[in-house]
C-alpha cells in the first residue's frame, strides 16, 4: 500500500504548492548515458536484449529513489513501495503496443517475466494492449532511429499525470567501441527538482555498471 507524505513537514512544501498550480508543471532533461557495460549482462542471460537491459537499469534506478515513486492523488503525495515499467513496442505492421514489464531486482528474473509479455504484445491486434491507468508505473518509450537531444511526451492537461516518463534514443558506437545513447527524463516539478533527476542519472550509471 502506498504511504501518504505529511505535506506539513515536507521541506519541499512551498515548491509543491507552487508547481501544483501550473497548467504545465513538467520539466525535461536529456543526457547521454554510457551503456557499454550492459553487454556483459546480455551474454549471461539467454533471450536478453539491449532493450530489456536498459529498461531494467532504468527501473532499478527509479525504484531506488523515493521521488520517482511519488504520485499525486486527490491533493496528496503518495509514495509507492515499488513501481513497474510500462513501455511501447513496435509491431510488424508498424502499429505499436503498450506492454507492462513487472519490476524484478534480479535481471535474469526480469527477462524471464518480460519475454512472454513482449511476445504477446508483438502480435498485431486492435488497440494498444496493456494500457494501464495505475500510477505505480514508470512510462518509457524508445526512439531507436534518432540520436536526439531533447524530447517531449504527450500528456493529459492540467498537471494530473504525475508518472515520470523516459525516452531512450538511438544507440551509438564510438571509435573506442563504447556504446552510448540519449535518455530523456520528464517529471512533475511538484514532486521533484533537478537535484532528484541528477540522482536518477547517477543511480542509472550504478545500475548499468553493476554487471
N, C-alpha and C. Protein backbone atom coordinates (compact mmCIF):
# COMPACT_ATOMS: atom_id res chain seq x y z
N UNK A 1 0.84 -1.20 0.00
CA UNK A 1 0.00 0.00 0.00
C UNK A 1 0.87 1.25 0.00
N UNK A 2 0.53 2.25 -0.82
CA UNK A 2 1.30 3.49 -0.79
C UNK A 2 1.09 4.25 0.51
N UNK A 3 2.09 5.05 0.87
CA UNK A 3 2.05 5.84 2.10
C UNK A 3 1.95 7.31 1.73
N UNK A 4 1.04 8.04 2.37
CA UNK A 4 0.87 9.47 2.12
C UNK A 4 1.92 10.27 2.87
N UNK A 5 2.57 11.20 2.17
CA UNK A 5 3.55 12.07 2.81
C UNK A 5 2.83 13.07 3.70
N UNK A 6 3.49 13.43 4.78
CA UNK A 6 2.99 14.51 5.64
C UNK A 6 3.45 15.82 5.01
N UNK A 7 2.57 16.45 4.24
CA UNK A 7 2.96 17.64 3.49
C UNK A 7 3.35 18.79 4.40
N UNK A 8 2.79 18.85 5.58
CA UNK A 8 3.12 19.94 6.50
C UNK A 8 4.58 19.87 6.94
N UNK A 9 5.16 18.68 6.92
CA UNK A 9 6.56 18.51 7.34
C UNK A 9 7.51 18.34 6.15
N UNK A 10 7.00 18.37 4.96
CA UNK A 10 7.82 18.15 3.78
C UNK A 10 8.61 19.40 3.45
N UNK A 11 9.95 19.35 3.39
CA UNK A 11 10.74 20.54 3.09
C UNK A 11 10.40 21.17 1.74
N UNK A 12 9.84 20.38 0.83
CA UNK A 12 9.51 20.89 -0.49
C UNK A 12 8.06 21.41 -0.56
N UNK A 13 7.42 21.63 0.54
CA UNK A 13 6.00 22.01 0.52
C UNK A 13 5.77 23.28 -0.31
N UNK A 14 6.61 24.28 -0.17
CA UNK A 14 6.41 25.52 -0.93
C UNK A 14 6.52 25.27 -2.43
N UNK A 15 7.51 24.46 -2.83
CA UNK A 15 7.67 24.13 -4.26
C UNK A 15 6.48 23.30 -4.74
N UNK A 16 6.03 22.38 -3.91
CA UNK A 16 4.86 21.56 -4.26
C UNK A 16 3.65 22.44 -4.52
N UNK A 17 3.38 23.38 -3.62
CA UNK A 17 2.22 24.26 -3.79
C UNK A 17 2.35 25.10 -5.05
N UNK A 18 3.55 25.62 -5.30
CA UNK A 18 3.76 26.49 -6.48
C UNK A 18 3.54 25.73 -7.78
N UNK A 19 4.24 24.61 -7.95
CA UNK A 19 4.17 23.90 -9.22
C UNK A 19 2.85 23.18 -9.43
N UNK A 20 2.16 22.84 -8.34
CA UNK A 20 0.85 22.19 -8.47
C UNK A 20 -0.18 23.10 -9.11
N UNK A 21 0.03 24.41 -9.02
CA UNK A 21 -0.93 25.35 -9.58
C UNK A 21 -0.73 25.60 -11.07
N UNK A 22 0.39 25.15 -11.63
CA UNK A 22 0.69 25.45 -13.03
C UNK A 22 -0.07 24.52 -13.97
N UNK A 23 -0.41 25.05 -15.15
CA UNK A 23 -1.10 24.24 -16.16
C UNK A 23 -0.16 23.20 -16.76
N UNK A 24 1.13 23.51 -16.82
CA UNK A 24 2.12 22.56 -17.36
C UNK A 24 3.28 22.48 -16.36
N UNK A 25 3.15 21.68 -15.31
CA UNK A 25 4.15 21.66 -14.24
C UNK A 25 5.28 20.65 -14.45
N UNK A 26 5.68 20.42 -15.70
CA UNK A 26 6.67 19.40 -16.01
C UNK A 26 7.98 20.03 -16.48
N UNK A 27 9.09 19.32 -16.23
CA UNK A 27 10.34 19.71 -16.86
C UNK A 27 11.05 18.46 -17.35
N UNK A 28 11.89 18.65 -18.35
CA UNK A 28 12.54 17.53 -19.03
C UNK A 28 14.03 17.78 -19.14
N UNK A 29 14.80 16.72 -18.95
CA UNK A 29 16.25 16.75 -19.09
C UNK A 29 16.65 15.64 -20.05
N UNK A 30 17.61 15.92 -20.93
CA UNK A 30 18.11 14.89 -21.84
C UNK A 30 19.63 14.83 -21.69
N UNK A 31 20.15 13.64 -21.44
CA UNK A 31 21.59 13.47 -21.26
C UNK A 31 22.02 12.15 -21.91
N UNK A 32 23.31 12.08 -22.23
CA UNK A 32 23.85 10.87 -22.85
C UNK A 32 24.30 9.90 -21.76
N UNK A 33 23.98 8.62 -21.96
CA UNK A 33 24.28 7.57 -20.98
C UNK A 33 25.17 6.53 -21.64
N UNK A 34 26.22 6.13 -20.93
CA UNK A 34 27.12 5.07 -21.41
C UNK A 34 26.53 3.73 -20.98
N UNK A 35 26.14 2.92 -21.97
CA UNK A 35 25.50 1.63 -21.67
C UNK A 35 26.41 0.45 -22.02
N UNK A 36 27.68 0.70 -22.27
CA UNK A 36 28.61 -0.35 -22.71
C UNK A 36 28.59 -1.57 -21.79
N UNK A 37 28.55 -1.33 -20.49
CA UNK A 37 28.65 -2.42 -19.52
C UNK A 37 27.49 -3.39 -19.59
N UNK A 38 26.38 -3.00 -20.21
CA UNK A 38 25.23 -3.90 -20.30
C UNK A 38 25.51 -5.10 -21.20
N UNK A 39 26.51 -5.01 -22.07
CA UNK A 39 26.81 -6.12 -22.99
C UNK A 39 27.12 -7.40 -22.24
N UNK A 40 27.83 -7.29 -21.12
CA UNK A 40 28.18 -8.48 -20.35
C UNK A 40 26.93 -9.16 -19.82
N UNK A 41 25.92 -8.38 -19.48
CA UNK A 41 24.66 -8.94 -18.97
C UNK A 41 23.94 -9.76 -20.05
N UNK A 42 24.02 -9.29 -21.27
CA UNK A 42 23.35 -9.99 -22.37
C UNK A 42 23.98 -11.36 -22.61
N UNK A 43 25.28 -11.44 -22.45
CA UNK A 43 25.97 -12.71 -22.68
C UNK A 43 25.61 -13.75 -21.63
N UNK A 44 25.26 -13.30 -20.44
CA UNK A 44 24.99 -14.23 -19.34
C UNK A 44 23.54 -14.72 -19.30
N UNK A 45 22.63 -14.03 -20.02
CA UNK A 45 21.21 -14.34 -19.88
C UNK A 45 20.60 -14.61 -21.25
N UNK A 46 20.32 -15.86 -21.59
CA UNK A 46 19.70 -16.20 -22.87
C UNK A 46 18.38 -15.46 -23.07
N UNK A 47 18.20 -14.92 -24.24
CA UNK A 47 16.97 -14.19 -24.55
C UNK A 47 17.02 -12.72 -24.20
N UNK A 48 18.02 -12.31 -23.43
CA UNK A 48 18.13 -10.90 -23.05
C UNK A 48 18.51 -10.06 -24.26
N UNK A 49 18.02 -8.83 -24.29
CA UNK A 49 18.31 -7.89 -25.37
C UNK A 49 18.76 -6.56 -24.77
N UNK A 50 19.34 -5.72 -25.61
CA UNK A 50 19.68 -4.37 -25.17
C UNK A 50 18.44 -3.66 -24.65
N UNK A 51 17.33 -3.82 -25.37
CA UNK A 51 16.07 -3.20 -24.99
C UNK A 51 15.70 -3.55 -23.54
N UNK A 52 15.78 -4.83 -23.21
CA UNK A 52 15.45 -5.24 -21.85
C UNK A 52 16.49 -4.78 -20.85
N UNK A 53 17.74 -4.76 -21.27
CA UNK A 53 18.82 -4.39 -20.34
C UNK A 53 18.71 -2.93 -19.91
N UNK A 54 18.47 -2.02 -20.85
CA UNK A 54 18.40 -0.62 -20.41
C UNK A 54 17.06 -0.29 -19.76
N UNK A 55 16.00 -1.00 -20.11
CA UNK A 55 14.75 -0.81 -19.38
C UNK A 55 14.89 -1.28 -17.93
N UNK A 56 15.56 -2.41 -17.74
CA UNK A 56 15.75 -2.90 -16.37
C UNK A 56 16.60 -1.94 -15.55
N UNK A 57 17.68 -1.43 -16.14
CA UNK A 57 18.55 -0.48 -15.42
C UNK A 57 17.76 0.76 -15.01
N UNK A 58 16.88 1.23 -15.88
CA UNK A 58 16.07 2.41 -15.55
C UNK A 58 15.11 2.11 -14.41
N UNK A 59 14.54 0.92 -14.38
CA UNK A 59 13.64 0.56 -13.29
C UNK A 59 14.39 0.41 -11.97
N UNK A 60 15.59 -0.15 -12.02
CA UNK A 60 16.40 -0.25 -10.81
C UNK A 60 16.67 1.15 -10.25
N UNK A 61 17.06 2.07 -11.12
CA UNK A 61 17.37 3.43 -10.69
C UNK A 61 16.13 4.13 -10.13
N UNK A 62 14.99 4.01 -10.82
CA UNK A 62 13.77 4.68 -10.37
C UNK A 62 13.28 4.13 -9.04
N UNK A 63 13.38 2.81 -8.86
CA UNK A 63 12.92 2.22 -7.60
C UNK A 63 13.83 2.58 -6.43
N UNK A 64 15.06 2.99 -6.71
CA UNK A 64 16.00 3.36 -5.66
C UNK A 64 15.71 4.75 -5.08
N UNK A 65 14.88 5.55 -5.76
CA UNK A 65 14.67 6.94 -5.38
C UNK A 65 13.21 7.18 -4.99
N UNK A 66 12.96 7.64 -3.76
CA UNK A 66 11.57 7.90 -3.35
C UNK A 66 10.84 8.85 -4.30
N UNK A 67 11.54 9.89 -4.76
CA UNK A 67 10.89 10.89 -5.60
C UNK A 67 10.32 10.28 -6.88
N UNK A 68 10.96 9.26 -7.42
CA UNK A 68 10.46 8.62 -8.63
C UNK A 68 9.33 7.64 -8.34
N UNK A 69 9.06 7.43 -7.04
CA UNK A 69 7.93 6.60 -6.64
C UNK A 69 6.79 7.43 -6.06
N UNK A 70 6.94 8.76 -6.05
CA UNK A 70 5.86 9.64 -5.60
C UNK A 70 4.81 9.78 -6.71
N UNK A 71 3.55 9.83 -6.31
CA UNK A 71 2.47 10.09 -7.26
C UNK A 71 1.43 11.00 -6.59
N UNK A 72 0.82 11.85 -7.40
CA UNK A 72 -0.25 12.71 -6.92
C UNK A 72 -1.58 11.99 -6.97
N UNK A 73 -2.36 12.16 -5.90
CA UNK A 73 -3.71 11.59 -5.89
C UNK A 73 -4.58 12.38 -4.93
N UNK A 74 -5.59 13.04 -5.48
CA UNK A 74 -6.57 13.79 -4.68
C UNK A 74 -5.89 14.77 -3.73
N UNK A 75 -4.90 15.50 -4.24
CA UNK A 75 -4.23 16.51 -3.44
C UNK A 75 -3.17 15.98 -2.51
N UNK A 76 -2.99 14.68 -2.46
CA UNK A 76 -1.96 14.07 -1.63
C UNK A 76 -0.78 13.63 -2.48
N UNK A 77 0.36 13.44 -1.81
CA UNK A 77 1.52 12.82 -2.44
C UNK A 77 1.68 11.44 -1.82
N UNK A 78 1.52 10.41 -2.65
CA UNK A 78 1.63 9.03 -2.19
C UNK A 78 2.98 8.46 -2.62
N UNK A 79 3.65 7.78 -1.69
CA UNK A 79 4.90 7.10 -2.01
C UNK A 79 4.60 5.60 -2.16
N UNK A 80 4.82 5.08 -3.38
CA UNK A 80 4.62 3.66 -3.64
C UNK A 80 5.88 2.88 -3.26
N UNK A 81 5.66 1.68 -2.78
CA UNK A 81 6.79 0.85 -2.34
C UNK A 81 7.66 0.43 -3.52
N UNK A 82 7.04 0.17 -4.68
CA UNK A 82 7.78 -0.20 -5.88
C UNK A 82 6.98 0.21 -7.10
N UNK A 83 7.67 0.37 -8.22
CA UNK A 83 6.99 0.72 -9.46
C UNK A 83 7.45 -0.24 -10.56
N UNK A 84 6.52 -0.58 -11.45
CA UNK A 84 6.80 -1.42 -12.60
C UNK A 84 7.03 -0.54 -13.82
N UNK A 85 7.36 -1.16 -14.93
CA UNK A 85 7.59 -0.43 -16.16
C UNK A 85 6.43 -0.56 -17.12
N UNK A 86 6.15 0.47 -17.87
CA UNK A 86 5.18 0.44 -18.96
C UNK A 86 5.89 1.04 -20.17
N UNK A 87 5.99 0.27 -21.26
CA UNK A 87 6.78 0.74 -22.39
C UNK A 87 6.08 0.46 -23.71
N UNK A 88 6.53 1.14 -24.75
CA UNK A 88 5.98 0.94 -26.08
C UNK A 88 6.79 -0.11 -26.83
N UNK A 89 6.11 -0.82 -27.73
CA UNK A 89 6.76 -1.87 -28.52
C UNK A 89 6.22 -1.79 -29.94
N UNK A 90 7.11 -1.70 -30.93
CA UNK A 90 6.71 -1.61 -32.33
C UNK A 90 6.32 -2.99 -32.86
N UNK A 91 5.15 -3.06 -33.51
CA UNK A 91 4.69 -4.30 -34.12
C UNK A 91 5.12 -4.37 -35.58
N UNK A 92 4.99 -5.55 -36.17
CA UNK A 92 5.40 -5.76 -37.56
C UNK A 92 4.60 -4.90 -38.53
N UNK A 93 3.35 -4.56 -38.18
CA UNK A 93 2.52 -3.75 -39.07
C UNK A 93 2.71 -2.25 -38.83
N UNK A 94 3.73 -1.88 -38.04
CA UNK A 94 4.11 -0.50 -37.71
C UNK A 94 3.12 0.20 -36.78
N UNK A 95 2.19 -0.55 -36.22
CA UNK A 95 1.43 -0.02 -35.08
C UNK A 95 2.29 -0.27 -33.84
N UNK A 96 1.89 0.28 -32.71
CA UNK A 96 2.66 -0.01 -31.50
C UNK A 96 1.74 -0.45 -30.39
N UNK A 97 2.31 -1.23 -29.50
CA UNK A 97 1.60 -1.72 -28.33
C UNK A 97 2.24 -1.14 -27.08
N UNK A 98 1.45 -1.10 -26.03
CA UNK A 98 1.97 -0.73 -24.71
C UNK A 98 1.97 -1.99 -23.85
N UNK A 99 3.11 -2.28 -23.26
CA UNK A 99 3.27 -3.52 -22.51
C UNK A 99 3.84 -3.21 -21.12
N UNK A 100 3.34 -3.94 -20.13
CA UNK A 100 3.83 -3.78 -18.76
C UNK A 100 4.99 -4.74 -18.50
N UNK A 101 6.07 -4.20 -17.94
CA UNK A 101 7.24 -5.00 -17.57
C UNK A 101 7.33 -5.00 -16.04
N UNK A 102 6.91 -6.08 -15.38
CA UNK A 102 6.98 -6.13 -13.92
C UNK A 102 8.42 -5.98 -13.43
N UNK A 103 8.60 -5.15 -12.41
CA UNK A 103 9.95 -4.92 -11.89
C UNK A 103 10.44 -6.13 -11.09
N UNK A 104 11.62 -6.54 -11.40
CA UNK A 104 12.34 -7.57 -10.64
C UNK A 104 13.76 -7.06 -10.44
N UNK A 105 14.25 -6.98 -9.20
CA UNK A 105 15.63 -6.54 -8.99
C UNK A 105 16.65 -7.40 -9.72
N UNK A 106 16.40 -8.70 -9.81
CA UNK A 106 17.30 -9.63 -10.49
C UNK A 106 17.04 -9.57 -12.00
N UNK A 107 18.07 -9.30 -12.79
CA UNK A 107 17.90 -9.13 -14.22
C UNK A 107 17.40 -10.41 -14.89
N UNK A 108 17.94 -11.58 -14.50
CA UNK A 108 17.50 -12.84 -15.09
C UNK A 108 16.02 -13.07 -14.89
N UNK A 109 15.53 -12.82 -13.70
CA UNK A 109 14.10 -12.98 -13.43
C UNK A 109 13.28 -11.96 -14.20
N UNK A 110 13.79 -10.74 -14.31
CA UNK A 110 13.11 -9.70 -15.08
C UNK A 110 12.94 -10.15 -16.54
N UNK A 111 14.00 -10.71 -17.14
CA UNK A 111 13.95 -11.18 -18.52
C UNK A 111 12.93 -12.30 -18.67
N UNK A 112 12.94 -13.25 -17.74
CA UNK A 112 12.00 -14.38 -17.79
C UNK A 112 10.55 -13.91 -17.82
N UNK A 113 10.24 -12.90 -17.04
CA UNK A 113 8.86 -12.41 -16.98
C UNK A 113 8.53 -11.50 -18.17
N UNK A 114 9.54 -10.79 -18.68
CA UNK A 114 9.29 -9.82 -19.75
C UNK A 114 9.11 -10.48 -21.11
N UNK A 115 9.85 -11.55 -21.40
CA UNK A 115 9.83 -12.15 -22.73
C UNK A 115 8.43 -12.59 -23.17
N UNK A 116 7.66 -13.31 -22.35
CA UNK A 116 6.31 -13.68 -22.79
C UNK A 116 5.41 -12.46 -23.02
N UNK A 117 5.55 -11.44 -22.19
CA UNK A 117 4.74 -10.24 -22.35
C UNK A 117 5.06 -9.53 -23.66
N UNK A 118 6.35 -9.45 -24.01
CA UNK A 118 6.75 -8.82 -25.25
C UNK A 118 6.28 -9.62 -26.45
N UNK A 119 6.38 -10.95 -26.37
CA UNK A 119 5.93 -11.81 -27.48
C UNK A 119 4.44 -11.63 -27.73
N UNK A 120 3.66 -11.56 -26.68
CA UNK A 120 2.21 -11.38 -26.83
C UNK A 120 1.89 -10.01 -27.42
N UNK A 121 2.65 -8.99 -27.01
CA UNK A 121 2.38 -7.63 -27.48
C UNK A 121 2.74 -7.44 -28.94
N UNK A 122 3.65 -8.26 -29.46
CA UNK A 122 4.06 -8.11 -30.87
C UNK A 122 3.00 -8.58 -31.86
N UNK A 123 2.05 -9.37 -31.42
CA UNK A 123 1.01 -9.89 -32.30
C UNK A 123 0.09 -8.73 -32.71
N UNK A 124 -0.05 -8.46 -34.02
CA UNK A 124 -0.93 -7.37 -34.46
C UNK A 124 -2.34 -7.54 -33.90
N UNK A 125 -2.88 -6.48 -33.35
CA UNK A 125 -4.20 -6.53 -32.72
C UNK A 125 -4.75 -5.12 -32.65
N UNK A 126 -6.08 -4.98 -32.58
CA UNK A 126 -6.65 -3.65 -32.37
C UNK A 126 -6.31 -3.14 -30.98
N UNK A 127 -6.20 -1.86 -30.86
CA UNK A 127 -5.91 -1.27 -29.55
C UNK A 127 -4.44 -1.25 -29.24
N UNK A 128 -4.13 -0.72 -28.06
CA UNK A 128 -2.74 -0.53 -27.65
C UNK A 128 -2.24 -1.58 -26.68
N UNK A 129 -3.06 -2.56 -26.35
CA UNK A 129 -2.58 -3.59 -25.43
C UNK A 129 -2.82 -3.21 -23.99
N UNK A 130 -1.78 -3.40 -23.15
CA UNK A 130 -1.93 -3.21 -21.71
C UNK A 130 -1.85 -1.74 -21.33
N UNK A 131 -2.89 -1.00 -21.64
CA UNK A 131 -2.94 0.43 -21.32
C UNK A 131 -3.41 0.59 -19.88
N UNK A 132 -2.48 0.56 -18.95
CA UNK A 132 -2.81 0.58 -17.53
C UNK A 132 -2.92 2.01 -17.01
N UNK A 133 -3.93 2.25 -16.21
CA UNK A 133 -4.12 3.56 -15.57
C UNK A 133 -3.52 3.60 -14.17
N UNK A 134 -2.94 2.51 -13.72
CA UNK A 134 -2.40 2.51 -12.36
C UNK A 134 -1.20 3.46 -12.29
N UNK A 135 -1.04 4.15 -11.18
CA UNK A 135 0.02 5.15 -11.08
C UNK A 135 1.39 4.58 -10.75
N UNK A 136 1.46 3.35 -10.24
CA UNK A 136 2.74 2.79 -9.80
C UNK A 136 3.52 2.23 -10.98
N UNK A 137 3.76 3.10 -11.97
CA UNK A 137 4.47 2.73 -13.18
C UNK A 137 5.53 3.77 -13.51
N UNK A 138 6.48 3.36 -14.33
CA UNK A 138 7.41 4.28 -14.97
C UNK A 138 7.13 4.17 -16.47
N UNK A 139 6.70 5.25 -17.09
CA UNK A 139 6.36 5.23 -18.51
C UNK A 139 7.63 5.40 -19.34
N UNK A 140 7.83 4.50 -20.32
CA UNK A 140 9.04 4.52 -21.13
C UNK A 140 8.71 4.30 -22.59
N UNK A 141 9.55 4.85 -23.45
CA UNK A 141 9.44 4.62 -24.88
C UNK A 141 10.83 4.63 -25.48
N UNK A 142 10.97 4.07 -26.68
CA UNK A 142 12.26 4.00 -27.35
C UNK A 142 12.12 4.57 -28.76
N UNK A 143 13.04 5.47 -29.11
CA UNK A 143 13.09 6.06 -30.45
C UNK A 143 14.45 5.67 -31.04
N UNK A 144 14.62 4.41 -31.47
CA UNK A 144 15.96 3.90 -31.81
C UNK A 144 16.52 4.43 -33.13
N UNK A 145 15.74 5.23 -33.85
CA UNK A 145 16.19 5.76 -35.14
C UNK A 145 16.85 7.12 -35.01
N UNK A 146 16.74 7.76 -33.83
CA UNK A 146 17.21 9.13 -33.67
C UNK A 146 18.14 9.27 -32.47
N UNK A 147 19.25 9.95 -32.69
CA UNK A 147 20.15 10.33 -31.60
C UNK A 147 19.74 11.74 -31.17
N UNK A 148 18.61 11.84 -30.49
CA UNK A 148 18.02 13.15 -30.21
C UNK A 148 18.71 13.86 -29.05
N UNK A 149 18.44 15.14 -28.94
CA UNK A 149 19.00 15.95 -27.84
C UNK A 149 17.91 16.52 -26.94
N UNK A 150 16.66 16.30 -27.28
CA UNK A 150 15.54 16.70 -26.41
C UNK A 150 14.33 15.88 -26.79
N UNK A 151 13.36 15.85 -25.91
CA UNK A 151 12.17 15.04 -26.17
C UNK A 151 11.03 15.57 -25.29
N UNK A 152 9.81 15.58 -25.83
CA UNK A 152 8.62 15.96 -25.05
C UNK A 152 7.56 14.89 -25.24
N UNK A 153 6.88 14.55 -24.16
CA UNK A 153 5.88 13.48 -24.18
C UNK A 153 4.47 14.06 -24.30
N UNK A 154 3.57 13.26 -24.86
CA UNK A 154 2.15 13.59 -24.83
C UNK A 154 1.64 13.38 -23.41
N UNK A 155 0.91 14.35 -22.89
CA UNK A 155 0.39 14.26 -21.52
C UNK A 155 -1.02 14.82 -21.45
N UNK A 156 -1.75 14.34 -20.46
CA UNK A 156 -3.05 14.90 -20.15
C UNK A 156 -2.86 16.32 -19.61
N UNK A 157 -3.80 17.20 -19.86
CA UNK A 157 -3.67 18.57 -19.40
C UNK A 157 -3.94 18.75 -17.92
N UNK A 158 -3.56 19.89 -17.40
CA UNK A 158 -3.88 20.25 -16.03
C UNK A 158 -2.97 19.70 -14.97
N UNK A 159 -1.88 19.04 -15.35
CA UNK A 159 -0.92 18.54 -14.37
C UNK A 159 -1.37 17.34 -13.60
N UNK A 160 -2.39 16.63 -14.10
CA UNK A 160 -2.90 15.47 -13.35
C UNK A 160 -1.98 14.26 -13.46
N UNK A 161 -1.26 14.15 -14.56
CA UNK A 161 -0.38 13.00 -14.79
C UNK A 161 0.94 13.22 -14.06
N UNK A 162 1.20 12.42 -13.04
CA UNK A 162 2.42 12.60 -12.24
C UNK A 162 3.43 11.48 -12.44
N UNK A 163 3.21 10.62 -13.45
CA UNK A 163 4.11 9.50 -13.70
C UNK A 163 5.35 9.98 -14.46
N UNK A 164 6.57 9.73 -13.96
CA UNK A 164 7.77 10.08 -14.72
C UNK A 164 7.80 9.35 -16.06
N UNK A 165 8.34 10.03 -17.08
CA UNK A 165 8.36 9.46 -18.42
C UNK A 165 9.78 9.52 -18.98
N UNK A 166 10.22 8.40 -19.56
CA UNK A 166 11.56 8.28 -20.12
C UNK A 166 11.48 7.99 -21.61
N UNK A 167 12.45 8.49 -22.37
CA UNK A 167 12.58 8.16 -23.79
C UNK A 167 14.03 7.81 -24.07
N UNK A 168 14.26 6.60 -24.58
CA UNK A 168 15.59 6.13 -24.95
C UNK A 168 15.82 6.39 -26.43
N UNK A 169 17.01 6.89 -26.78
CA UNK A 169 17.31 7.20 -28.16
C UNK A 169 18.14 6.13 -28.85
N UNK A 170 18.67 6.49 -29.99
CA UNK A 170 19.49 5.58 -30.79
C UNK A 170 20.78 5.24 -30.06
N UNK A 171 21.16 3.98 -30.10
CA UNK A 171 22.43 3.57 -29.51
C UNK A 171 23.55 3.86 -30.51
N UNK A 172 24.59 4.54 -30.05
CA UNK A 172 25.69 4.97 -30.91
C UNK A 172 26.99 4.35 -30.43
N UNK A 173 27.71 3.70 -31.34
CA UNK A 173 29.01 3.10 -31.01
C UNK A 173 30.11 4.07 -31.38
N UNK A 174 31.00 4.37 -30.43
CA UNK A 174 32.10 5.27 -30.67
C UNK A 174 33.31 4.55 -31.25
N UNK A 175 34.31 5.33 -31.65
CA UNK A 175 35.53 4.74 -32.21
C UNK A 175 36.25 3.86 -31.20
N UNK A 176 36.02 4.13 -29.91
CA UNK A 176 36.66 3.33 -28.86
C UNK A 176 35.85 2.08 -28.52
N UNK A 177 34.74 1.87 -29.24
CA UNK A 177 33.92 0.69 -29.00
C UNK A 177 32.85 0.87 -27.93
N UNK A 178 32.83 1.99 -27.26
CA UNK A 178 31.84 2.21 -26.21
C UNK A 178 30.50 2.59 -26.83
N UNK A 179 29.43 2.18 -26.18
CA UNK A 179 28.08 2.45 -26.67
C UNK A 179 27.40 3.47 -25.76
N UNK A 180 26.84 4.48 -26.37
CA UNK A 180 26.10 5.49 -25.61
C UNK A 180 24.73 5.69 -26.25
N UNK A 181 23.84 6.28 -25.48
CA UNK A 181 22.52 6.60 -26.01
C UNK A 181 21.95 7.79 -25.26
N UNK A 182 21.11 8.55 -25.96
CA UNK A 182 20.41 9.66 -25.31
C UNK A 182 19.28 9.10 -24.46
N UNK A 183 19.08 9.72 -23.30
CA UNK A 183 17.96 9.37 -22.43
C UNK A 183 17.31 10.65 -21.94
N UNK A 184 16.05 10.84 -22.31
CA UNK A 184 15.28 11.99 -21.85
C UNK A 184 14.42 11.58 -20.67
N UNK A 185 14.41 12.41 -19.64
CA UNK A 185 13.64 12.15 -18.43
C UNK A 185 12.71 13.34 -18.21
N UNK A 186 11.41 13.08 -18.15
CA UNK A 186 10.43 14.15 -17.94
C UNK A 186 9.64 13.85 -16.66
N UNK A 187 9.57 14.83 -15.77
CA UNK A 187 8.97 14.60 -14.45
C UNK A 187 8.07 15.77 -14.06
N UNK A 188 7.26 15.54 -13.04
CA UNK A 188 6.35 16.54 -12.48
C UNK A 188 7.13 17.37 -11.46
N UNK A 189 7.21 18.68 -11.69
CA UNK A 189 8.04 19.55 -10.84
C UNK A 189 7.46 19.72 -9.43
N UNK A 190 6.18 19.41 -9.24
CA UNK A 190 5.63 19.47 -7.88
C UNK A 190 6.20 18.37 -7.00
N UNK A 191 6.71 17.31 -7.63
CA UNK A 191 7.19 16.15 -6.87
C UNK A 191 8.71 16.08 -6.76
N UNK A 192 9.42 16.75 -7.64
CA UNK A 192 10.89 16.68 -7.58
C UNK A 192 11.52 17.83 -8.34
N UNK A 193 12.83 17.98 -8.13
CA UNK A 193 13.61 19.05 -8.75
C UNK A 193 14.76 18.45 -9.57
N UNK A 194 15.55 19.34 -10.15
CA UNK A 194 16.70 18.90 -10.92
C UNK A 194 17.67 18.04 -10.11
N UNK A 195 17.78 18.33 -8.82
CA UNK A 195 18.63 17.53 -7.93
C UNK A 195 18.25 16.05 -8.00
N UNK A 196 16.97 15.78 -7.98
CA UNK A 196 16.50 14.39 -7.94
C UNK A 196 16.66 13.71 -9.30
N UNK A 197 16.48 14.47 -10.38
CA UNK A 197 16.73 13.91 -11.71
C UNK A 197 18.22 13.60 -11.86
N UNK A 198 19.07 14.48 -11.34
CA UNK A 198 20.51 14.20 -11.35
C UNK A 198 20.83 12.92 -10.59
N UNK A 199 20.17 12.71 -9.47
CA UNK A 199 20.38 11.48 -8.71
C UNK A 199 19.90 10.25 -9.49
N UNK A 200 18.83 10.43 -10.28
CA UNK A 200 18.37 9.31 -11.10
C UNK A 200 19.46 8.89 -12.09
N UNK A 201 20.07 9.85 -12.78
CA UNK A 201 21.13 9.50 -13.73
C UNK A 201 22.31 8.83 -13.02
N UNK A 202 22.61 9.28 -11.80
CA UNK A 202 23.70 8.66 -11.03
C UNK A 202 23.34 7.22 -10.65
N UNK A 203 22.10 7.00 -10.24
CA UNK A 203 21.65 5.64 -9.92
C UNK A 203 21.62 4.77 -11.16
N UNK A 204 21.27 5.36 -12.29
CA UNK A 204 21.27 4.61 -13.54
C UNK A 204 22.68 4.16 -13.90
N UNK A 205 23.67 5.04 -13.75
CA UNK A 205 25.06 4.67 -14.00
C UNK A 205 25.48 3.50 -13.11
N UNK A 206 25.07 3.54 -11.83
CA UNK A 206 25.39 2.45 -10.91
C UNK A 206 24.72 1.16 -11.34
N UNK A 207 23.47 1.23 -11.76
CA UNK A 207 22.75 0.03 -12.18
C UNK A 207 23.37 -0.59 -13.43
N UNK A 208 23.82 0.25 -14.35
CA UNK A 208 24.46 -0.23 -15.58
C UNK A 208 25.80 -0.87 -15.26
N UNK A 209 26.54 -0.29 -14.36
CA UNK A 209 27.90 -0.76 -14.03
C UNK A 209 27.90 -1.96 -13.09
N UNK A 210 26.74 -2.29 -12.53
CA UNK A 210 26.69 -3.34 -11.52
C UNK A 210 27.04 -4.72 -12.07
N UNK A 211 26.95 -4.91 -13.38
CA UNK A 211 27.32 -6.17 -14.00
C UNK A 211 26.22 -7.21 -13.95
